[in-house]
N, C-alpha and C. Protein backbone atom coordinates (compact mmCIF):
# COMPACT_ATOMS: atom_id res chain seq x y z
N MET A 1 0.84 -1.19 0.00
CA MET A 1 0.00 0.00 0.00
C MET A 1 0.89 1.25 0.00
N THR A 2 0.77 2.10 -1.00
CA THR A 2 1.58 3.30 -1.07
C THR A 2 0.68 4.53 -1.01
N PRO A 3 1.14 5.60 -0.41
CA PRO A 3 0.33 6.80 -0.31
C PRO A 3 0.19 7.49 -1.64
N SER A 4 -0.89 8.24 -1.76
CA SER A 4 -1.11 9.04 -2.95
C SER A 4 -0.56 10.44 -2.71
N THR A 5 -0.09 11.07 -3.76
CA THR A 5 0.31 12.47 -3.64
C THR A 5 -0.66 13.32 -4.43
N SER A 6 -0.92 14.51 -3.95
CA SER A 6 -1.90 15.39 -4.58
C SER A 6 -1.31 16.77 -4.77
N GLU A 7 -1.42 17.31 -5.99
CA GLU A 7 -0.92 18.64 -6.26
C GLU A 7 -2.00 19.69 -6.12
N THR A 8 -3.25 19.26 -5.96
CA THR A 8 -4.35 20.21 -5.96
C THR A 8 -5.06 20.28 -4.62
N SER A 9 -4.73 19.42 -3.69
CA SER A 9 -5.41 19.40 -2.40
C SER A 9 -4.38 19.36 -1.29
N ALA A 10 -3.86 20.54 -0.94
CA ALA A 10 -2.86 20.64 0.11
C ALA A 10 -3.52 20.46 1.47
N PRO A 11 -2.75 20.01 2.47
CA PRO A 11 -3.31 19.92 3.83
C PRO A 11 -3.79 21.29 4.30
N PRO A 12 -4.78 21.33 5.16
CA PRO A 12 -5.32 22.62 5.63
C PRO A 12 -4.31 23.36 6.50
N ALA A 13 -4.56 24.66 6.65
CA ALA A 13 -3.62 25.52 7.39
C ALA A 13 -3.48 25.11 8.84
N TRP A 14 -4.50 24.48 9.43
CA TRP A 14 -4.40 24.11 10.85
C TRP A 14 -3.35 23.02 11.08
N LEU A 15 -2.84 22.42 10.01
CA LEU A 15 -1.79 21.42 10.14
C LEU A 15 -0.39 21.99 9.90
N ASP A 16 -0.29 23.27 9.54
CA ASP A 16 1.01 23.85 9.18
C ASP A 16 2.04 23.70 10.30
N ARG A 17 1.67 24.06 11.51
CA ARG A 17 2.64 23.98 12.60
C ARG A 17 3.04 22.54 12.86
N PHE A 18 2.07 21.64 12.84
CA PHE A 18 2.38 20.23 13.07
C PHE A 18 3.37 19.71 12.03
N ILE A 19 3.13 20.01 10.76
CA ILE A 19 3.99 19.53 9.68
C ILE A 19 5.42 20.05 9.88
N ALA A 20 5.54 21.30 10.32
CA ALA A 20 6.86 21.90 10.49
C ALA A 20 7.60 21.32 11.69
N GLU A 21 6.87 21.01 12.75
CA GLU A 21 7.51 20.64 14.01
C GLU A 21 7.58 19.13 14.25
N ALA A 22 6.71 18.35 13.62
CA ALA A 22 6.60 16.92 13.94
C ALA A 22 7.90 16.14 13.81
N PRO A 23 8.68 16.33 12.75
CA PRO A 23 9.92 15.53 12.65
C PRO A 23 10.90 15.80 13.78
N ARG A 24 10.75 16.93 14.47
CA ARG A 24 11.65 17.27 15.57
C ARG A 24 11.00 17.08 16.94
N MET A 25 9.92 16.29 16.97
CA MET A 25 9.21 16.06 18.22
C MET A 25 10.16 15.53 19.30
N THR A 26 10.07 16.10 20.48
CA THR A 26 10.89 15.65 21.60
C THR A 26 10.35 14.36 22.16
N VAL A 27 11.21 13.37 22.32
CA VAL A 27 10.80 12.09 22.87
C VAL A 27 11.23 12.04 24.34
N PRO A 28 10.26 11.91 25.25
CA PRO A 28 10.64 11.80 26.67
C PRO A 28 11.55 10.60 26.90
N SER A 29 12.39 10.68 27.91
CA SER A 29 13.39 9.63 28.14
C SER A 29 12.77 8.26 28.31
N TRP A 30 11.61 8.19 28.94
CA TRP A 30 10.99 6.88 29.18
C TRP A 30 10.35 6.28 27.92
N LEU A 31 10.32 7.05 26.84
CA LEU A 31 9.76 6.55 25.59
C LEU A 31 10.83 6.31 24.52
N ARG A 32 12.10 6.43 24.88
CA ARG A 32 13.17 6.21 23.92
C ARG A 32 13.45 4.72 23.82
N PRO A 33 13.38 4.14 22.62
CA PRO A 33 13.46 2.68 22.49
C PRO A 33 14.90 2.17 22.50
N PRO A 34 15.11 0.96 23.04
CA PRO A 34 16.42 0.31 22.91
C PRO A 34 16.61 -0.19 21.49
N ALA A 35 17.85 -0.37 21.10
CA ALA A 35 18.15 -0.74 19.72
C ALA A 35 17.62 -2.12 19.36
N ASP A 36 17.44 -3.01 20.35
CA ASP A 36 17.02 -4.37 20.04
C ASP A 36 15.51 -4.55 20.02
N ALA A 37 14.74 -3.47 20.20
CA ALA A 37 13.29 -3.58 20.13
C ALA A 37 12.84 -3.84 18.70
N ARG A 38 11.73 -4.52 18.54
CA ARG A 38 11.23 -4.89 17.22
C ARG A 38 10.54 -3.70 16.55
N PRO A 39 10.77 -3.49 15.24
CA PRO A 39 10.20 -2.33 14.56
C PRO A 39 8.70 -2.46 14.29
N ALA A 40 7.99 -1.37 14.50
CA ALA A 40 6.55 -1.30 14.24
C ALA A 40 6.21 0.12 13.82
N ALA A 41 4.98 0.31 13.38
CA ALA A 41 4.54 1.64 12.94
C ALA A 41 3.06 1.81 13.24
N VAL A 42 2.65 3.05 13.48
CA VAL A 42 1.23 3.38 13.62
C VAL A 42 0.90 4.54 12.69
N LEU A 43 -0.35 4.63 12.29
CA LEU A 43 -0.81 5.70 11.42
C LEU A 43 -1.53 6.75 12.24
N VAL A 44 -0.98 7.96 12.24
CA VAL A 44 -1.62 9.11 12.88
C VAL A 44 -2.33 9.86 11.75
N LEU A 45 -3.62 9.60 11.59
CA LEU A 45 -4.35 10.10 10.43
C LEU A 45 -5.24 11.27 10.80
N PHE A 46 -4.90 12.44 10.28
CA PHE A 46 -5.68 13.65 10.50
C PHE A 46 -6.73 13.81 9.39
N GLY A 47 -7.94 14.13 9.79
CA GLY A 47 -8.99 14.38 8.82
C GLY A 47 -9.84 15.56 9.25
N GLU A 48 -10.83 15.88 8.42
CA GLU A 48 -11.82 16.90 8.77
C GLU A 48 -13.18 16.24 8.66
N GLY A 49 -13.77 15.93 9.80
CA GLY A 49 -15.05 15.26 9.84
C GLY A 49 -16.18 16.22 10.13
N PRO A 50 -17.36 15.69 10.40
CA PRO A 50 -18.53 16.55 10.66
C PRO A 50 -18.38 17.40 11.91
N ASP A 51 -17.50 16.99 12.83
CA ASP A 51 -17.30 17.75 14.06
C ASP A 51 -15.95 18.47 14.09
N GLY A 52 -15.38 18.71 12.89
CA GLY A 52 -14.13 19.44 12.81
C GLY A 52 -12.92 18.54 12.66
N PRO A 53 -11.72 19.10 12.78
CA PRO A 53 -10.49 18.32 12.65
C PRO A 53 -10.49 17.14 13.60
N ASP A 54 -10.05 15.98 13.10
CA ASP A 54 -10.11 14.79 13.93
C ASP A 54 -8.94 13.85 13.68
N LEU A 55 -8.88 12.81 14.50
CA LEU A 55 -7.89 11.74 14.39
C LEU A 55 -8.60 10.40 14.40
N LEU A 56 -8.05 9.45 13.65
CA LEU A 56 -8.66 8.12 13.58
C LEU A 56 -8.06 7.21 14.66
N LEU A 57 -8.93 6.64 15.49
CA LEU A 57 -8.51 5.69 16.51
C LEU A 57 -9.30 4.40 16.38
N THR A 58 -8.72 3.33 16.84
CA THR A 58 -9.42 2.04 16.92
C THR A 58 -9.48 1.62 18.39
N GLN A 59 -10.38 0.69 18.67
CA GLN A 59 -10.37 0.03 19.97
C GLN A 59 -10.11 -1.44 19.74
N ARG A 60 -9.05 -1.94 20.35
CA ARG A 60 -8.64 -3.31 20.15
C ARG A 60 -9.62 -4.27 20.80
N ALA A 61 -9.77 -5.45 20.20
CA ALA A 61 -10.71 -6.44 20.70
C ALA A 61 -10.31 -6.91 22.10
N ALA A 62 -11.32 -7.22 22.90
CA ALA A 62 -11.06 -7.67 24.27
C ALA A 62 -10.46 -9.07 24.32
N THR A 63 -10.47 -9.78 23.20
CA THR A 63 -9.97 -11.15 23.18
C THR A 63 -8.48 -11.23 22.86
N LEU A 64 -7.84 -10.11 22.54
CA LEU A 64 -6.43 -10.15 22.17
C LEU A 64 -5.55 -10.44 23.40
N ARG A 65 -4.39 -11.02 23.13
CA ARG A 65 -3.48 -11.36 24.23
C ARG A 65 -2.71 -10.13 24.71
N LYS A 66 -2.36 -9.22 23.79
CA LYS A 66 -1.62 -8.01 24.13
C LYS A 66 -2.50 -6.78 23.94
N HIS A 67 -2.47 -5.85 24.90
CA HIS A 67 -3.18 -4.57 24.81
C HIS A 67 -4.68 -4.76 24.54
N ALA A 68 -5.26 -5.80 25.13
CA ALA A 68 -6.68 -6.10 24.91
C ALA A 68 -7.57 -4.95 25.34
N GLY A 69 -8.54 -4.62 24.48
CA GLY A 69 -9.53 -3.61 24.78
C GLY A 69 -9.05 -2.18 24.75
N GLN A 70 -7.79 -1.95 24.46
CA GLN A 70 -7.26 -0.59 24.54
C GLN A 70 -7.50 0.19 23.25
N PRO A 71 -7.87 1.47 23.36
CA PRO A 71 -7.88 2.34 22.18
C PRO A 71 -6.45 2.52 21.67
N ALA A 72 -6.31 2.64 20.35
CA ALA A 72 -4.97 2.72 19.76
C ALA A 72 -5.05 3.38 18.39
N PHE A 73 -3.91 3.83 17.91
CA PHE A 73 -3.79 4.21 16.51
C PHE A 73 -3.69 2.93 15.69
N PRO A 74 -4.24 2.92 14.47
CA PRO A 74 -4.05 1.74 13.63
C PRO A 74 -2.57 1.48 13.41
N GLY A 75 -2.16 0.23 13.43
CA GLY A 75 -0.75 -0.05 13.19
C GLY A 75 -0.36 -1.43 13.66
N GLY A 76 0.92 -1.74 13.52
CA GLY A 76 1.43 -3.04 13.91
C GLY A 76 2.87 -3.21 13.49
N ARG A 77 3.32 -4.44 13.53
CA ARG A 77 4.70 -4.76 13.23
C ARG A 77 5.03 -4.50 11.77
N ILE A 78 6.25 -4.07 11.49
CA ILE A 78 6.71 -3.86 10.12
C ILE A 78 7.13 -5.20 9.54
N ASP A 79 6.46 -5.64 8.49
CA ASP A 79 6.76 -6.92 7.84
C ASP A 79 7.85 -6.73 6.79
N PRO A 80 8.56 -7.82 6.42
CA PRO A 80 9.61 -7.72 5.40
C PRO A 80 9.12 -7.15 4.07
N GLY A 81 7.86 -7.40 3.73
CA GLY A 81 7.34 -6.92 2.45
C GLY A 81 6.86 -5.49 2.46
N ASP A 82 6.86 -4.87 3.63
CA ASP A 82 6.42 -3.47 3.72
C ASP A 82 7.51 -2.53 3.23
N ASP A 83 7.09 -1.38 2.74
CA ASP A 83 8.03 -0.33 2.36
C ASP A 83 8.36 0.50 3.59
N GLY A 84 8.96 -0.14 4.60
CA GLY A 84 9.32 0.55 5.82
C GLY A 84 8.11 0.95 6.65
N PRO A 85 8.26 1.92 7.55
CA PRO A 85 7.17 2.34 8.44
C PRO A 85 5.94 2.85 7.70
N VAL A 86 6.14 3.59 6.61
CA VAL A 86 5.00 4.14 5.88
C VAL A 86 4.14 3.02 5.31
N GLY A 87 4.77 2.06 4.66
CA GLY A 87 4.03 0.94 4.09
C GLY A 87 3.31 0.13 5.15
N ALA A 88 3.99 -0.10 6.27
CA ALA A 88 3.39 -0.88 7.35
C ALA A 88 2.19 -0.17 7.96
N ALA A 89 2.33 1.14 8.21
CA ALA A 89 1.24 1.90 8.83
C ALA A 89 0.00 1.92 7.94
N LEU A 90 0.19 2.14 6.65
CA LEU A 90 -0.94 2.17 5.73
C LEU A 90 -1.56 0.80 5.55
N ARG A 91 -0.73 -0.24 5.46
CA ARG A 91 -1.26 -1.60 5.32
C ARG A 91 -2.09 -1.99 6.53
N GLU A 92 -1.53 -1.76 7.72
CA GLU A 92 -2.23 -2.12 8.93
C GLU A 92 -3.54 -1.34 9.07
N ALA A 93 -3.51 -0.05 8.73
CA ALA A 93 -4.73 0.75 8.83
C ALA A 93 -5.80 0.24 7.88
N HIS A 94 -5.38 -0.17 6.69
CA HIS A 94 -6.34 -0.74 5.74
C HIS A 94 -6.94 -2.03 6.29
N GLU A 95 -6.10 -2.89 6.85
CA GLU A 95 -6.57 -4.17 7.38
C GLU A 95 -7.48 -3.98 8.59
N GLU A 96 -7.17 -2.99 9.43
CA GLU A 96 -7.91 -2.82 10.68
C GLU A 96 -9.19 -2.01 10.52
N THR A 97 -9.22 -1.08 9.54
CA THR A 97 -10.37 -0.17 9.43
C THR A 97 -11.03 -0.16 8.05
N GLY A 98 -10.37 -0.75 7.05
CA GLY A 98 -10.91 -0.73 5.70
C GLY A 98 -10.68 0.56 4.95
N LEU A 99 -9.91 1.50 5.51
CA LEU A 99 -9.69 2.77 4.80
C LEU A 99 -8.92 2.54 3.51
N ASN A 100 -9.10 3.44 2.56
CA ASN A 100 -8.41 3.37 1.28
C ASN A 100 -7.12 4.18 1.37
N PRO A 101 -5.95 3.53 1.35
CA PRO A 101 -4.69 4.26 1.50
C PRO A 101 -4.44 5.30 0.42
N SER A 102 -5.06 5.14 -0.76
CA SER A 102 -4.82 6.10 -1.83
C SER A 102 -5.38 7.48 -1.50
N GLY A 103 -6.24 7.57 -0.50
CA GLY A 103 -6.77 8.86 -0.09
C GLY A 103 -5.97 9.53 1.01
N CYS A 104 -4.83 8.92 1.38
CA CYS A 104 -4.00 9.44 2.47
C CYS A 104 -2.69 10.01 1.92
N ASP A 105 -2.37 11.23 2.28
CA ASP A 105 -1.10 11.84 1.92
C ASP A 105 -0.20 11.89 3.14
N VAL A 106 0.94 11.22 3.08
CA VAL A 106 1.85 11.19 4.21
C VAL A 106 2.47 12.56 4.42
N LEU A 107 2.46 13.04 5.67
CA LEU A 107 3.00 14.35 6.02
C LEU A 107 4.39 14.25 6.60
N ALA A 108 4.63 13.24 7.45
CA ALA A 108 5.92 13.13 8.12
C ALA A 108 6.00 11.80 8.85
N THR A 109 7.21 11.34 9.07
CA THR A 109 7.45 10.26 10.01
C THR A 109 8.08 10.86 11.25
N LEU A 110 7.57 10.48 12.40
CA LEU A 110 8.01 11.06 13.67
C LEU A 110 9.09 10.17 14.29
N PRO A 111 9.82 10.69 15.28
CA PRO A 111 10.84 9.88 15.95
C PRO A 111 10.24 8.62 16.57
N GLU A 112 11.04 7.57 16.63
CA GLU A 112 10.59 6.31 17.21
C GLU A 112 10.28 6.46 18.69
N LEU A 113 9.28 5.68 19.14
CA LEU A 113 8.88 5.65 20.55
C LEU A 113 8.88 4.20 21.03
N TYR A 114 9.08 4.02 22.31
CA TYR A 114 9.19 2.66 22.84
C TYR A 114 7.86 2.20 23.44
N LEU A 115 7.38 1.06 22.94
CA LEU A 115 6.20 0.39 23.52
C LEU A 115 6.73 -0.79 24.31
N SER A 116 6.97 -0.55 25.59
CA SER A 116 7.68 -1.53 26.42
C SER A 116 6.88 -2.81 26.63
N ARG A 117 5.57 -2.70 26.65
CA ARG A 117 4.73 -3.87 26.93
C ARG A 117 4.99 -5.01 25.95
N SER A 118 5.23 -4.66 24.69
CA SER A 118 5.47 -5.68 23.67
C SER A 118 6.85 -5.55 23.04
N ASN A 119 7.70 -4.68 23.63
CA ASN A 119 9.08 -4.50 23.17
C ASN A 119 9.15 -4.12 21.69
N HIS A 120 8.42 -3.07 21.32
CA HIS A 120 8.46 -2.56 19.96
C HIS A 120 8.98 -1.12 19.96
N ARG A 121 9.73 -0.78 18.92
CA ARG A 121 10.10 0.61 18.66
C ARG A 121 9.17 1.08 17.54
N VAL A 122 8.30 2.00 17.91
CA VAL A 122 7.18 2.37 17.05
C VAL A 122 7.45 3.69 16.35
N THR A 123 7.33 3.69 15.03
CA THR A 123 7.43 4.92 14.24
C THR A 123 6.04 5.45 13.94
N PRO A 124 5.63 6.60 14.49
CA PRO A 124 4.35 7.19 14.11
C PRO A 124 4.47 7.82 12.70
N VAL A 125 3.56 7.46 11.83
CA VAL A 125 3.50 8.00 10.48
C VAL A 125 2.29 8.93 10.40
N ALA A 126 2.53 10.22 10.25
CA ALA A 126 1.44 11.19 10.20
C ALA A 126 0.98 11.39 8.76
N ALA A 127 -0.34 11.43 8.56
CA ALA A 127 -0.89 11.57 7.21
C ALA A 127 -2.14 12.45 7.25
N TRP A 128 -2.41 13.05 6.11
CA TRP A 128 -3.61 13.87 5.90
C TRP A 128 -4.61 13.03 5.12
N TRP A 129 -5.83 12.94 5.62
CA TRP A 129 -6.89 12.14 4.99
C TRP A 129 -7.57 13.00 3.92
N ARG A 130 -6.88 13.11 2.80
CA ARG A 130 -7.33 13.99 1.72
C ARG A 130 -8.68 13.57 1.16
N GLU A 131 -8.87 12.27 1.00
CA GLU A 131 -10.14 11.73 0.49
C GLU A 131 -10.62 10.66 1.45
N PRO A 132 -11.40 11.04 2.47
CA PRO A 132 -11.86 10.07 3.47
C PRO A 132 -12.69 8.96 2.82
N SER A 133 -12.52 7.75 3.33
CA SER A 133 -13.29 6.60 2.90
C SER A 133 -14.02 6.03 4.10
N ASP A 134 -15.02 5.20 3.83
CA ASP A 134 -15.76 4.58 4.93
C ASP A 134 -14.83 3.68 5.74
N VAL A 135 -14.99 3.71 7.05
CA VAL A 135 -14.18 2.86 7.92
C VAL A 135 -15.10 2.09 8.87
N SER A 136 -14.65 0.91 9.23
CA SER A 136 -15.37 0.05 10.16
C SER A 136 -14.39 -0.99 10.67
N PRO A 137 -14.70 -1.67 11.77
CA PRO A 137 -13.76 -2.66 12.29
C PRO A 137 -13.43 -3.73 11.26
N GLY A 138 -12.15 -4.05 11.16
CA GLY A 138 -11.71 -5.12 10.26
C GLY A 138 -11.99 -6.46 10.91
N HIS A 139 -10.96 -7.27 11.06
CA HIS A 139 -11.12 -8.59 11.67
C HIS A 139 -11.71 -8.44 13.07
N PRO A 140 -12.88 -9.07 13.35
CA PRO A 140 -13.51 -8.89 14.66
C PRO A 140 -12.67 -9.40 15.82
N GLY A 141 -11.71 -10.27 15.54
CA GLY A 141 -10.84 -10.76 16.59
C GLY A 141 -9.73 -9.80 16.94
N GLU A 142 -9.60 -8.71 16.16
CA GLU A 142 -8.53 -7.74 16.40
C GLU A 142 -9.05 -6.35 16.75
N VAL A 143 -10.12 -5.92 16.07
CA VAL A 143 -10.62 -4.56 16.25
C VAL A 143 -12.09 -4.60 16.67
N ALA A 144 -12.41 -3.93 17.78
CA ALA A 144 -13.78 -3.90 18.26
C ALA A 144 -14.55 -2.69 17.75
N ALA A 145 -13.84 -1.57 17.55
CA ALA A 145 -14.51 -0.33 17.13
C ALA A 145 -13.51 0.59 16.44
N VAL A 146 -14.06 1.48 15.60
CA VAL A 146 -13.27 2.50 14.90
C VAL A 146 -13.96 3.84 15.14
N ALA A 147 -13.19 4.87 15.47
CA ALA A 147 -13.80 6.18 15.76
C ALA A 147 -12.96 7.31 15.21
N ARG A 148 -13.62 8.31 14.65
CA ARG A 148 -12.98 9.56 14.30
C ARG A 148 -13.18 10.51 15.48
N VAL A 149 -12.10 10.80 16.18
CA VAL A 149 -12.18 11.57 17.42
C VAL A 149 -11.77 13.01 17.16
N PRO A 150 -12.68 13.96 17.32
CA PRO A 150 -12.33 15.37 17.08
C PRO A 150 -11.20 15.84 18.00
N ILE A 151 -10.29 16.62 17.43
CA ILE A 151 -9.20 17.18 18.22
C ILE A 151 -9.76 18.08 19.33
N GLY A 152 -10.88 18.75 19.04
CA GLY A 152 -11.50 19.59 20.05
C GLY A 152 -11.94 18.82 21.28
N GLU A 153 -12.33 17.57 21.11
CA GLU A 153 -12.72 16.74 22.25
C GLU A 153 -11.48 16.28 23.02
N LEU A 154 -10.40 16.01 22.29
CA LEU A 154 -9.16 15.60 22.96
C LEU A 154 -8.56 16.72 23.80
N THR A 155 -8.73 17.96 23.35
CA THR A 155 -8.15 19.10 24.07
C THR A 155 -9.10 19.68 25.12
N ASP A 156 -10.33 19.23 25.16
CA ASP A 156 -11.30 19.73 26.13
C ASP A 156 -10.82 19.33 27.54
N PRO A 157 -10.56 20.30 28.42
CA PRO A 157 -10.07 19.97 29.76
C PRO A 157 -10.97 18.99 30.51
N ALA A 158 -12.26 19.00 30.22
CA ALA A 158 -13.19 18.10 30.91
C ALA A 158 -12.93 16.64 30.55
N ASN A 159 -12.26 16.41 29.42
CA ASN A 159 -12.02 15.04 28.96
C ASN A 159 -10.64 14.52 29.30
N ARG A 160 -9.85 15.32 30.03
CA ARG A 160 -8.46 14.94 30.31
C ARG A 160 -8.24 14.64 31.78
N LEU A 161 -7.37 13.69 32.04
CA LEU A 161 -7.05 13.27 33.40
C LEU A 161 -5.77 12.46 33.38
N ASN A 162 -5.30 12.11 34.56
CA ASN A 162 -4.23 11.13 34.69
C ASN A 162 -4.83 9.88 35.31
N VAL A 163 -4.37 8.71 34.87
CA VAL A 163 -4.83 7.46 35.46
C VAL A 163 -3.66 6.77 36.14
N ARG A 164 -3.96 6.11 37.26
CA ARG A 164 -2.93 5.51 38.09
C ARG A 164 -3.05 3.98 38.06
N HIS A 165 -1.93 3.33 37.77
CA HIS A 165 -1.84 1.87 37.79
C HIS A 165 -1.55 1.44 39.23
N PRO A 166 -1.95 0.21 39.63
CA PRO A 166 -1.65 -0.25 40.99
C PRO A 166 -0.16 -0.21 41.33
N SER A 167 0.71 -0.24 40.30
CA SER A 167 2.15 -0.15 40.55
C SER A 167 2.55 1.23 41.06
N GLY A 168 1.65 2.19 40.94
CA GLY A 168 1.93 3.55 41.36
C GLY A 168 2.19 4.49 40.20
N PHE A 169 2.45 3.93 39.01
CA PHE A 169 2.70 4.78 37.85
C PHE A 169 1.42 5.48 37.42
N ALA A 170 1.52 6.77 37.14
CA ALA A 170 0.39 7.55 36.66
C ALA A 170 0.75 8.18 35.32
N GLY A 171 -0.17 8.16 34.38
CA GLY A 171 0.07 8.73 33.06
C GLY A 171 -1.17 9.38 32.51
N PRO A 172 -1.04 10.11 31.41
CA PRO A 172 -2.17 10.86 30.85
C PRO A 172 -3.25 9.94 30.29
N ALA A 173 -4.46 10.47 30.26
CA ALA A 173 -5.59 9.72 29.71
C ALA A 173 -6.62 10.70 29.16
N PHE A 174 -7.48 10.17 28.30
CA PHE A 174 -8.55 10.96 27.69
C PHE A 174 -9.84 10.14 27.75
N ARG A 175 -10.95 10.79 28.07
CA ARG A 175 -12.25 10.14 27.97
C ARG A 175 -12.98 10.76 26.78
N VAL A 176 -13.04 10.01 25.69
CA VAL A 176 -13.65 10.51 24.46
C VAL A 176 -14.41 9.39 23.76
N ARG A 177 -15.55 9.72 23.19
CA ARG A 177 -16.32 8.80 22.37
C ARG A 177 -16.56 7.45 23.06
N GLY A 178 -16.82 7.50 24.37
CA GLY A 178 -17.08 6.29 25.11
C GLY A 178 -15.86 5.44 25.40
N MET A 179 -14.65 5.97 25.14
CA MET A 179 -13.42 5.22 25.36
C MET A 179 -12.56 5.91 26.41
N LEU A 180 -11.84 5.11 27.19
CA LEU A 180 -10.79 5.63 28.04
C LEU A 180 -9.47 5.35 27.32
N VAL A 181 -8.86 6.42 26.81
CA VAL A 181 -7.59 6.30 26.09
C VAL A 181 -6.47 6.52 27.09
N TRP A 182 -5.60 5.52 27.25
CA TRP A 182 -4.53 5.62 28.24
C TRP A 182 -3.29 4.93 27.70
N GLY A 183 -2.27 4.82 28.54
CA GLY A 183 -1.07 4.11 28.15
C GLY A 183 -0.31 4.78 27.02
N PHE A 184 0.29 3.95 26.15
CA PHE A 184 1.13 4.44 25.07
C PHE A 184 0.38 5.42 24.17
N THR A 185 -0.86 5.09 23.80
CA THR A 185 -1.62 5.94 22.88
C THR A 185 -1.88 7.31 23.49
N ALA A 186 -2.21 7.36 24.78
CA ALA A 186 -2.45 8.64 25.42
C ALA A 186 -1.17 9.46 25.52
N MET A 187 -0.03 8.79 25.76
CA MET A 187 1.25 9.50 25.81
C MET A 187 1.57 10.12 24.45
N LEU A 188 1.35 9.34 23.38
CA LEU A 188 1.60 9.86 22.04
C LEU A 188 0.64 11.00 21.72
N LEU A 189 -0.63 10.86 22.04
CA LEU A 189 -1.59 11.93 21.80
C LEU A 189 -1.18 13.21 22.52
N THR A 190 -0.71 13.07 23.74
CA THR A 190 -0.28 14.24 24.51
C THR A 190 0.82 14.99 23.79
N GLU A 191 1.79 14.25 23.25
CA GLU A 191 2.89 14.89 22.53
C GLU A 191 2.40 15.50 21.21
N LEU A 192 1.50 14.81 20.51
CA LEU A 192 0.99 15.33 19.24
C LEU A 192 0.25 16.66 19.43
N LEU A 193 -0.54 16.74 20.49
CA LEU A 193 -1.28 17.97 20.74
C LEU A 193 -0.34 19.13 21.04
N LYS A 194 0.76 18.85 21.72
CA LYS A 194 1.75 19.89 21.98
C LYS A 194 2.42 20.34 20.68
N VAL A 195 2.84 19.37 19.87
CA VAL A 195 3.55 19.68 18.63
C VAL A 195 2.67 20.51 17.69
N GLY A 196 1.39 20.17 17.62
CA GLY A 196 0.49 20.88 16.71
C GLY A 196 0.02 22.22 17.23
N GLY A 197 0.33 22.53 18.49
CA GLY A 197 -0.11 23.80 19.06
C GLY A 197 -1.56 23.81 19.47
N TRP A 198 -2.16 22.62 19.65
CA TRP A 198 -3.58 22.53 19.99
C TRP A 198 -3.82 22.34 21.48
N ASP A 199 -2.78 22.08 22.24
CA ASP A 199 -2.92 21.79 23.65
C ASP A 199 -3.55 22.96 24.39
N ARG A 200 -4.39 22.64 25.39
CA ARG A 200 -5.01 23.64 26.23
C ARG A 200 -4.73 23.30 27.69
N PRO A 201 -4.70 24.32 28.56
CA PRO A 201 -4.49 24.02 29.98
C PRO A 201 -5.57 23.09 30.52
N TRP A 202 -5.15 22.15 31.37
CA TRP A 202 -6.11 21.24 32.00
C TRP A 202 -5.59 20.88 33.38
N ASP A 203 -6.44 20.28 34.18
CA ASP A 203 -6.10 19.98 35.57
C ASP A 203 -5.30 18.69 35.66
N ALA A 204 -3.96 18.81 35.65
CA ALA A 204 -3.10 17.63 35.74
C ALA A 204 -3.15 16.99 37.11
N GLY A 205 -3.77 17.66 38.08
CA GLY A 205 -3.92 17.08 39.40
C GLY A 205 -5.11 16.14 39.51
N ARG A 206 -5.88 16.03 38.43
CA ARG A 206 -7.00 15.08 38.42
C ARG A 206 -6.47 13.69 38.14
N VAL A 207 -6.42 12.86 39.16
CA VAL A 207 -5.85 11.51 39.04
C VAL A 207 -6.89 10.50 39.50
N GLU A 208 -7.12 9.48 38.66
CA GLU A 208 -8.06 8.41 39.00
C GLU A 208 -7.38 7.06 38.82
N ASP A 209 -7.79 6.09 39.62
CA ASP A 209 -7.28 4.74 39.46
C ASP A 209 -7.84 4.14 38.18
N LEU A 210 -7.05 3.30 37.51
CA LEU A 210 -7.55 2.59 36.34
C LEU A 210 -8.73 1.72 36.75
N PRO A 211 -9.82 1.73 35.99
CA PRO A 211 -10.98 0.91 36.34
C PRO A 211 -10.63 -0.58 36.38
N PRO A 212 -11.29 -1.36 37.25
CA PRO A 212 -10.99 -2.78 37.37
C PRO A 212 -11.10 -3.55 36.06
N ASP A 213 -12.09 -3.20 35.20
CA ASP A 213 -12.24 -3.95 33.95
C ASP A 213 -11.08 -3.66 33.00
N VAL A 214 -10.57 -2.44 33.02
CA VAL A 214 -9.42 -2.09 32.19
C VAL A 214 -8.18 -2.82 32.71
N LEU A 215 -8.01 -2.85 34.01
CA LEU A 215 -6.87 -3.55 34.60
C LEU A 215 -6.90 -5.04 34.29
N ALA A 216 -8.09 -5.63 34.33
CA ALA A 216 -8.22 -7.07 34.06
C ALA A 216 -7.79 -7.39 32.64
N LEU A 217 -8.16 -6.56 31.68
CA LEU A 217 -7.76 -6.78 30.30
C LEU A 217 -6.26 -6.56 30.12
N ALA A 218 -5.74 -5.52 30.77
CA ALA A 218 -4.31 -5.22 30.65
C ALA A 218 -3.45 -6.34 31.24
N ALA A 219 -3.96 -7.01 32.25
CA ALA A 219 -3.20 -8.06 32.93
C ALA A 219 -2.96 -9.27 32.04
N ARG A 220 -3.73 -9.42 30.98
CA ARG A 220 -3.59 -10.58 30.09
C ARG A 220 -2.22 -10.62 29.44
N GLY A 221 -1.64 -9.44 29.20
CA GLY A 221 -0.37 -9.40 28.51
C GLY A 221 0.80 -9.79 29.40
């Protein structure tokens, strides 16, 4: 799957800062991957939906062994036949959501991040959804839901919080579209909002324990 290029439909102006700054995104020390981690990629797909600028997220099936039930960006391991991170991100997004990769224009590849739970070094591939296509869950054993989440909902202070694991670790989270987005995806979202200049002040002192059902699914891995 290769991206399409368009000479007549440039990304909108609200993406200008993100495009300029994304390749230089600062990676926090705890997200820097070791050299022996396995390569993977995710698709950070920006679009303009009925509720304004948005991002495409999936919710992983509760039956999966790793990251069960968690909201995530479409993506997965880079296969030998992929054209690097870009090819892998577009292929996985097509398989997971049914989107047409020819309607996606790649904007940038971001610095690698470490997904310690599965020992992957993940390259976020940012793209503009120039020609949106219908999306829905792909294989039911892998994807439970697909959602276009408005950036305005992600930046709404009422939807932001920190969640605390029983280990004591606390990290960012978002409550959007009936999903609790936490862990790696929430950390990446937090950085993306900063890079794009969309971040708004919110109460970082709002800390809640991870719900028991979320913990039960996370424990499977």
